[in-house]
Protein backbone atom coordinates (compact mmCIF):
# COMPACT_ATOMS: atom_id res chain seq x y z
CA MET A 1 -84.04 -75.16 -17.83
CA ILE A 2 -81.85 -72.08 -16.97
CA ASP A 3 -81.72 -71.91 -13.66
CA ALA A 4 -79.74 -68.40 -13.32
CA ILE A 5 -78.60 -66.60 -16.31
CA VAL A 6 -77.46 -62.97 -16.64
CA LEU A 7 -77.23 -60.73 -19.92
CA LEU A 8 -74.82 -58.40 -20.16
CA PRO A 9 -73.62 -55.81 -23.13
CA ASP A 10 -70.42 -57.96 -24.07
CA HIS A 11 -71.34 -61.64 -22.85
CA LEU A 12 -74.14 -63.25 -20.96
CA HIS A 13 -73.54 -66.09 -18.37
CA ALA A 14 -75.77 -69.09 -17.67
CA VAL A 15 -76.55 -71.38 -14.66
CA TRP A 16 -78.94 -74.57 -16.80
CA THR A 17 -80.04 -77.79 -15.56
CA LEU A 18 -80.12 -80.47 -18.71
CA PRO A 19 -82.27 -83.05 -18.32
CA VAL A 20 -80.41 -86.10 -17.41
CA SER A 21 -79.66 -87.93 -20.90
CA ASP A 22 -79.14 -85.07 -22.34
CA ALA A 23 -75.09 -83.18 -21.57
CA ASP A 24 -74.58 -81.90 -24.87
CA TYR A 25 -73.59 -78.31 -24.49
CA SER A 26 -72.68 -77.36 -27.62
CA LEU A 27 -75.85 -78.31 -30.05
CA ARG A 28 -77.95 -76.14 -26.54
CA TRP A 29 -75.66 -73.11 -27.27
CA ALA A 30 -76.49 -73.56 -30.71
CA GLU A 31 -79.75 -73.43 -30.30
CA VAL A 32 -79.58 -70.96 -28.13
CA LYS A 33 -78.00 -68.27 -29.89
CA GLU A 34 -79.27 -69.09 -33.58
CA ALA A 35 -82.63 -68.15 -32.10
CA PHE A 36 -81.65 -64.67 -30.16
CA THR A 37 -79.37 -64.16 -33.44
CA ARG A 38 -82.86 -63.94 -35.38
CA SER A 39 -84.58 -62.29 -33.01
CA PHE A 40 -81.69 -60.08 -32.72
CA LEU A 41 -81.38 -58.48 -35.88
CA SER A 42 -85.42 -58.74 -36.94
CA ALA A 43 -85.88 -56.06 -33.84
CA GLY A 44 -82.92 -54.07 -35.54
CA GLY A 45 -80.61 -55.10 -33.51
CA GLU A 46 -76.73 -55.23 -35.72
CA ASP A 47 -74.47 -57.84 -36.63
CA GLY A 48 -70.77 -56.86 -36.65
CA PRO A 49 -68.33 -57.02 -39.08
CA VAL A 50 -68.15 -60.21 -40.87
CA SER A 51 -64.00 -62.10 -41.90
CA ALA A 52 -63.52 -64.01 -44.50
CA SER A 53 -63.69 -66.63 -41.81
CA ARG A 54 -66.77 -66.76 -39.82
CA ARG A 55 -68.45 -66.25 -43.37
CA LYS A 56 -66.80 -69.21 -44.28
CA HIS A 57 -68.27 -71.14 -41.98
CA ARG A 58 -71.51 -68.94 -42.20
CA GLU A 59 -71.27 -67.58 -38.80
CA ARG A 60 -72.81 -64.70 -38.09
CA SER A 61 -69.95 -61.87 -35.49
CA VAL A 62 -73.28 -61.27 -33.01
CA TRP A 63 -72.07 -63.25 -31.04
CA GLN A 64 -68.41 -65.34 -29.50
CA ARG A 65 -66.95 -68.32 -30.70
CA ARG A 66 -66.39 -70.09 -27.53
CA PHE A 67 -67.89 -70.60 -24.37
CA TRP A 68 -66.57 -72.12 -20.52
CA GLU A 69 -69.02 -74.51 -19.58
CA TYR A 70 -68.53 -76.20 -15.55
CA THR A 71 -70.51 -78.56 -13.78
CA VAL A 72 -71.41 -77.68 -10.64
CA ARG A 73 -70.74 -80.76 -8.34
CA ASP A 74 -73.38 -80.26 -5.33
CA GLU A 75 -76.18 -78.09 -4.12
CA ASP A 76 -73.23 -75.55 -2.07
CA ASP A 77 -71.59 -75.29 -5.57
CA LEU A 78 -75.12 -74.82 -7.42
CA LYS A 79 -75.75 -71.82 -5.03
CA ARG A 80 -71.78 -70.36 -5.38
CA CYS A 81 -72.78 -70.67 -9.48
CA VAL A 82 -76.13 -68.07 -9.17
CA ASP A 83 -74.27 -66.04 -6.60
CA TYR A 84 -71.47 -65.55 -9.61
CA VAL A 85 -73.88 -65.33 -12.64
CA HIS A 86 -76.15 -62.40 -10.53
CA TRP A 87 -73.17 -60.45 -8.74
CA ASN A 88 -71.62 -60.14 -12.15
CA PRO A 89 -73.26 -56.32 -13.04
CA VAL A 90 -71.40 -55.05 -9.47
CA LYS A 91 -68.23 -56.98 -11.05
CA HIS A 92 -68.48 -54.95 -13.93
CA GLY A 93 -68.74 -51.89 -12.44
CA LEU A 94 -72.19 -51.55 -14.61
CA VAL A 95 -73.86 -51.30 -11.42
CA GLU A 96 -73.52 -50.57 -7.38
CA ARG A 97 -76.09 -52.76 -6.64
CA VAL A 98 -76.81 -56.52 -7.68
CA LYS A 99 -81.01 -54.46 -7.23
CA ASP A 100 -80.58 -52.07 -9.82
CA TYR A 101 -79.43 -54.36 -13.01
CA PRO A 102 -82.68 -55.96 -14.79
CA TRP A 103 -81.32 -57.81 -17.65
CA SER A 104 -81.10 -61.03 -14.79
CA SER A 105 -82.48 -63.40 -12.54
CA PHE A 106 -82.10 -62.26 -9.77
CA HIS A 107 -85.25 -60.45 -10.08
CA ARG A 108 -87.31 -63.97 -9.96
CA TYR A 109 -85.20 -65.11 -7.02
CA VAL A 110 -85.75 -62.39 -5.00
CA GLU A 111 -90.06 -63.15 -6.30
CA SER A 112 -89.49 -66.57 -4.83
CA GLY A 113 -87.55 -65.27 -1.97
CA GLU A 114 -84.53 -67.51 -2.83
CA TYR A 115 -83.00 -63.27 -2.28
CA ASP A 116 -83.44 -60.97 -0.34
CA LEU A 117 -84.05 -57.82 -3.05
CA GLU A 118 -80.42 -55.79 -0.27
CA TRP A 119 -78.36 -58.58 -1.17
CA GLY A 120 -75.36 -57.34 -2.79
CA SER A 121 -75.96 -54.24 -1.36
CA GLY A 122 -73.89 -52.22 -0.34
CA GLU A 123 -71.04 -54.96 -0.07
CA VAL A 124 -68.41 -56.95 -1.69
CA VAL A 125 -69.81 -60.94 -2.37
CA ASP A 126 -67.19 -62.77 -1.92
CA VAL A 127 -68.07 -64.47 -4.92
CA PRO A 128 -65.54 -67.24 -6.10
CA GLY A 129 -65.69 -67.46 -9.71
CA ALA A 130 -63.01 -65.11 -10.90
CA GLU A 131 -61.16 -67.26 -13.50
CA TRP A 132 -64.09 -68.28 -14.94
CA GLU A 133 -63.93 -64.99 -17.43
């Protein structure tokens, strides 16, 4: 299940809850990247330059190769991670208010009552996780 997600121009952040018997982040990301890439390219998106190494490994250049994973410790930690995901467009200067960024699960959280629509507006949100990027 995707708990929180934000799609930025050059990367994305996601918080997932995987089934108890499945902690294979690498396989999950590979499946997400493959499905997204097929849809992106068929909708007119363009692949970037493909290096010799990527060609050898049959990789496209839509995605970076690596990802960073983090295991959430408890409910407070989960809240911090979700806040971090939703604050990211402001952190990167894409918008001044979280609510103004359309490619985020923030709006789903507002609809469910977990966030006020004005969360993060006119304030600096102290969200840990700068080391995650």
